[in-house]
């Protein structure tokens, strides 16, 4: 089953997020802490058919790192916001793990899978921001 199937099974929350929202900043920092690479966020709020306010996309160089990032994101978000993922998929293959917080969906790819699925192009009408550690 493709990871995006989870997105069609739930409704977007009514509360709108921003890039300054605690859950958003916690996710970005957690990815950076675990050395996730090429971190991008897509602002989907102006796209009516979008299933979330934001996608956060990053990549990791191995299945072990994909899992480590996903686990750390989940731990940090729960610690800082008390939110648990609505759902997650992809832990068995560790090529693409999706962590769904309803308003923000985290996609952690190995590079070849990210290139293949090319979510940035699929959602090219979204406002894109690259997140580089300072």
C-alpha atoms as a PDB file:
ATOM      1  CA  UNK A   1       0.000   0.000   0.000  1.00  0.00           C
ATOM      2  CA  UNK A   2       1.376   3.427  -0.917  1.00  0.00           C
ATOM      3  CA  UNK A   3       1.958   5.761   2.062  1.00  0.00           C
ATOM      4  CA  UNK A   4      -0.376   8.423   0.681  1.00  0.00           C
ATOM      5  CA  UNK A   5      -3.438   6.196   1.100  1.00  0.00           C
ATOM      6  CA  UNK A   6      -3.586   7.177   4.775  1.00  0.00           C
ATOM      7  CA  UNK A   7      -4.193  10.780   3.745  1.00  0.00           C
ATOM      8  CA  UNK A   8      -7.508  10.036   2.068  1.00  0.00           C
ATOM      9  CA  UNK A   9      -8.992   8.459   5.206  1.00  0.00           C
ATOM     10  CA  UNK A  10      -9.203  11.470   7.479  1.00  0.00           C
ATOM     11  CA  UNK A  11     -10.364  15.074   7.505  1.00  0.00           C
ATOM     12  CA  UNK A  12      -8.087  18.082   7.814  1.00  0.00           C
ATOM     13  CA  UNK A  13      -8.333  19.727  11.225  1.00  0.00           C
ATOM     14  CA  UNK A  14     -10.078  23.094  11.410  1.00  0.00           C
ATOM     15  CA  UNK A  15      -7.240  24.862  13.262  1.00  0.00           C
ATOM     16  CA  UNK A  16      -4.786  26.235  10.696  1.00  0.00           C
ATOM     17  CA  UNK A  17      -1.056  26.012  11.298  1.00  0.00           C
ATOM     18  CA  UNK A  18       1.760  28.362  10.351  1.00  0.00           C
ATOM     19  CA  UNK A  19       5.489  27.768   9.939  1.00  0.00           C
ATOM     20  CA  UNK A  20       5.855  29.338  13.394  1.00  0.00           C
ATOM     21  CA  UNK A  21       3.515  26.802  15.038  1.00  0.00           C
ATOM     22  CA  UNK A  22       5.138  24.767  17.782  1.00  0.00           C
ATOM     23  CA  UNK A  23       4.491  21.433  16.082  1.00  0.00           C
ATOM     24  CA  UNK A  24       6.012  22.698  12.823  1.00  0.00           C
ATOM     25  CA  UNK A  25       9.184  24.094  14.426  1.00  0.00           C
ATOM     26  CA  UNK A  26       9.546  20.985  16.610  1.00  0.00           C
ATOM     27  CA  UNK A  27       9.413  18.716  13.551  1.00  0.00           C
ATOM     28  CA  UNK A  28      12.005  20.767  11.644  1.00  0.00           C
ATOM     29  CA  UNK A  29      14.378  20.823  14.626  1.00  0.00           C
ATOM     30  CA  UNK A  30      13.957  17.080  15.240  1.00  0.00           C
ATOM     31  CA  UNK A  31      14.806  16.306  11.605  1.00  0.00           C
ATOM     32  CA  UNK A  32      17.854  18.560  11.797  1.00  0.00           C
ATOM     33  CA  UNK A  33      18.960  16.961  15.090  1.00  0.00           C
ATOM     34  CA  UNK A  34      18.984  13.540  13.409  1.00  0.00           C
ATOM     35  CA  UNK A  35      20.853  14.897  10.364  1.00  0.00           C
ATOM     36  CA  UNK A  36      17.969  14.708   7.919  1.00  0.00           C
ATOM     37  CA  UNK A  37      18.953  16.300   4.620  1.00  0.00           C
ATOM     38  CA  UNK A  38      17.311  18.513   1.997  1.00  0.00           C
ATOM     39  CA  UNK A  39      14.502  19.564   4.332  1.00  0.00           C
ATOM     40  CA  UNK A  40      11.647  21.285   2.516  1.00  0.00           C
ATOM     41  CA  UNK A  41       8.218  22.409   3.638  1.00  0.00           C
ATOM     42  CA  UNK A  42       5.317  22.878   1.273  1.00  0.00           C
ATOM     43  CA  UNK A  43       2.582  25.281   2.359  1.00  0.00           C
ATOM     44  CA  UNK A  44      -0.641  23.708   1.107  1.00  0.00           C
ATOM     45  CA  UNK A  45      -3.069  26.077   2.833  1.00  0.00           C
ATOM     46  CA  UNK A  46      -4.077  27.833  -0.403  1.00  0.00           C
ATOM     47  CA  UNK A  47      -4.753  24.567  -2.257  1.00  0.00           C
ATOM     48  CA  UNK A  48      -8.394  23.505  -1.773  1.00  0.00           C
ATOM     49  CA  UNK A  49      -7.834  19.802  -2.485  1.00  0.00           C
ATOM     50  CA  UNK A  50      -4.852  19.559  -0.118  1.00  0.00           C
ATOM     51  CA  UNK A  51      -5.181  17.101   2.727  1.00  0.00           C
ATOM     52  CA  UNK A  52      -3.018  19.072   5.170  1.00  0.00           C
ATOM     53  CA  UNK A  53      -1.730  22.578   5.811  1.00  0.00           C
ATOM     54  CA  UNK A  54       1.894  21.523   5.317  1.00  0.00           C
ATOM     55  CA  UNK A  55       4.032  18.714   4.021  1.00  0.00           C
ATOM     56  CA  UNK A  56       7.514  18.520   5.486  1.00  0.00           C
ATOM     57  CA  UNK A  57       9.826  16.464   3.306  1.00  0.00           C
ATOM     58  CA  UNK A  58      13.356  15.299   4.015  1.00  0.00           C
ATOM     59  CA  UNK A  59      15.700  12.500   3.155  1.00  0.00           C
ATOM     60  CA  UNK A  60      17.995  10.117   4.972  1.00  0.00           C
ATOM     61  CA  UNK A  61      20.815   7.990   3.637  1.00  0.00           C
ATOM     62  CA  UNK A  62      19.670   4.622   4.995  1.00  0.00           C
ATOM     63  CA  UNK A  63      16.613   2.800   6.247  1.00  0.00           C
ATOM     64  CA  UNK A  64      18.059   2.973   9.745  1.00  0.00           C
ATOM     65  CA  UNK A  65      18.287   6.760   9.539  1.00  0.00           C
ATOM     66  CA  UNK A  66      14.769   7.030   8.046  1.00  0.00           C
ATOM     67  CA  UNK A  67      13.412   5.140  11.051  1.00  0.00           C
ATOM     68  CA  UNK A  68      15.559   7.109  13.521  1.00  0.00           C
ATOM     69  CA  UNK A  69      14.262  10.432  12.159  1.00  0.00           C
ATOM     70  CA  UNK A  70      10.633   9.255  12.213  1.00  0.00           C
ATOM     71  CA  UNK A  71      10.956   7.934  15.769  1.00  0.00           C
ATOM     72  CA  UNK A  72      12.671  11.106  16.974  1.00  0.00           C
ATOM     73  CA  UNK A  73      10.085  13.366  15.316  1.00  0.00           C
ATOM     74  CA  UNK A  74       7.309  11.396  17.054  1.00  0.00           C
ATOM     75  CA  UNK A  75       9.092  11.533  20.432  1.00  0.00           C
ATOM     76  CA  UNK A  76       9.902  15.248  20.213  1.00  0.00           C
ATOM     77  CA  UNK A  77       6.434  16.274  19.031  1.00  0.00           C
ATOM     78  CA  UNK A  78       4.822  14.304  21.858  1.00  0.00           C
ATOM     79  CA  UNK A  79       7.279  15.761  24.404  1.00  0.00           C
ATOM     80  CA  UNK A  80       6.796  19.391  23.279  1.00  0.00           C
ATOM     81  CA  UNK A  81       3.151  19.455  22.154  1.00  0.00           C
ATOM     82  CA  UNK A  82       1.551  16.318  23.698  1.00  0.00           C
ATOM     83  CA  UNK A  83       0.384  15.357  20.186  1.00  0.00           C
ATOM     84  CA  UNK A  84       0.704  11.835  18.877  1.00  0.00           C
ATOM     85  CA  UNK A  85       0.602  10.958  15.179  1.00  0.00           C
ATOM     86  CA  UNK A  86      -2.845  10.307  13.755  1.00  0.00           C
ATOM     87  CA  UNK A  87      -1.191   7.569  11.743  1.00  0.00           C
ATOM     88  CA  UNK A  88       2.143   6.535  10.311  1.00  0.00           C
ATOM     89  CA  UNK A  89       3.145   4.241   7.473  1.00  0.00           C
ATOM     90  CA  UNK A  90       6.262   2.806   5.921  1.00  0.00           C
ATOM     91  CA  UNK A  91       8.156   1.586   8.978  1.00  0.00           C
ATOM     92  CA  UNK A  92       8.458  -1.920   7.552  1.00  0.00           C
ATOM     93  CA  UNK A  93      10.232  -0.913   4.336  1.00  0.00           C
ATOM     94  CA  UNK A  94      11.983   2.213   5.683  1.00  0.00           C
ATOM     95  CA  UNK A  95      12.243   3.652   2.160  1.00  0.00           C
ATOM     96  CA  UNK A  96       9.525   6.251   2.756  1.00  0.00           C
ATOM     97  CA  UNK A  97       8.037   6.810   6.187  1.00  0.00           C
ATOM     98  CA  UNK A  98       5.007   9.039   6.524  1.00  0.00           C
ATOM     99  CA  UNK A  99       4.094  10.528   9.910  1.00  0.00           C
ATOM    100  CA  UNK A 100       0.649  12.153   9.804  1.00  0.00           C
ATOM    101  CA  UNK A 101      -0.292  14.850  12.315  1.00  0.00           C
ATOM    102  CA  UNK A 102      -3.415  15.773  10.278  1.00  0.00           C
ATOM    103  CA  UNK A 103      -2.469  19.422   9.646  1.00  0.00           C
ATOM    104  CA  UNK A 104       1.161  18.603   8.961  1.00  0.00           C
ATOM    105  CA  UNK A 105       2.411  15.441   7.290  1.00  0.00           C
ATOM    106  CA  UNK A 106       6.077  14.465   7.523  1.00  0.00           C
ATOM    107  CA  UNK A 107       7.627  12.497   4.649  1.00  0.00           C
ATOM    108  CA  UNK A 108      11.037  10.906   5.284  1.00  0.00           C
ATOM    109  CA  UNK A 109      12.566   9.377   2.166  1.00  0.00           C
ATOM    110  CA  UNK A 110      15.655   7.616   1.064  1.00  0.00           C
ATOM    111  CA  UNK A 111      17.003   9.720  -1.850  1.00  0.00           C
ATOM    112  CA  UNK A 112      16.000   7.391  -4.702  1.00  0.00           C
ATOM    113  CA  UNK A 113      12.407   7.155  -3.433  1.00  0.00           C
ATOM    114  CA  UNK A 114      12.165  10.905  -2.983  1.00  0.00           C
ATOM    115  CA  UNK A 115      13.316  11.423  -6.534  1.00  0.00           C
ATOM    116  CA  UNK A 116      10.869   8.797  -7.831  1.00  0.00           C
ATOM    117  CA  UNK A 117       7.766  10.131  -6.032  1.00  0.00           C
ATOM    118  CA  UNK A 118       8.812  13.794  -6.459  1.00  0.00           C
ATOM    119  CA  UNK A 119       6.220  15.306  -4.103  1.00  0.00           C
ATOM    120  CA  UNK A 120       7.697  18.765  -4.603  1.00  0.00           C
ATOM    121  CA  UNK A 121       6.778  18.614  -8.295  1.00  0.00           C
ATOM    122  CA  UNK A 122       3.388  17.010  -7.625  1.00  0.00           C
ATOM    123  CA  UNK A 123       2.561  19.934  -5.308  1.00  0.00           C
ATOM    124  CA  UNK A 124       4.468  22.551  -7.316  1.00  0.00           C
ATOM    125  CA  UNK A 125       1.736  25.160  -6.815  1.00  0.00           C
ATOM    126  CA  UNK A 126       2.464  25.147  -3.061  1.00  0.00           C
ATOM    127  CA  UNK A 127       4.736  27.745  -1.483  1.00  0.00           C
ATOM    128  CA  UNK A 128       8.066  25.981  -0.921  1.00  0.00           C
ATOM    129  CA  UNK A 129      10.621  26.746   1.780  1.00  0.00           C
ATOM    130  CA  UNK A 130      14.027  25.114   2.185  1.00  0.00           C
ATOM    131  CA  UNK A 131      15.095  24.612   5.811  1.00  0.00           C
ATOM    132  CA  UNK A 132      18.848  24.903   6.191  1.00  0.00           C
ATOM    133  CA  UNK A 133      20.446  24.755   9.624  1.00  0.00           C
ATOM    134  CA  UNK A 134      21.952  28.049  10.663  1.00  0.00           C
END
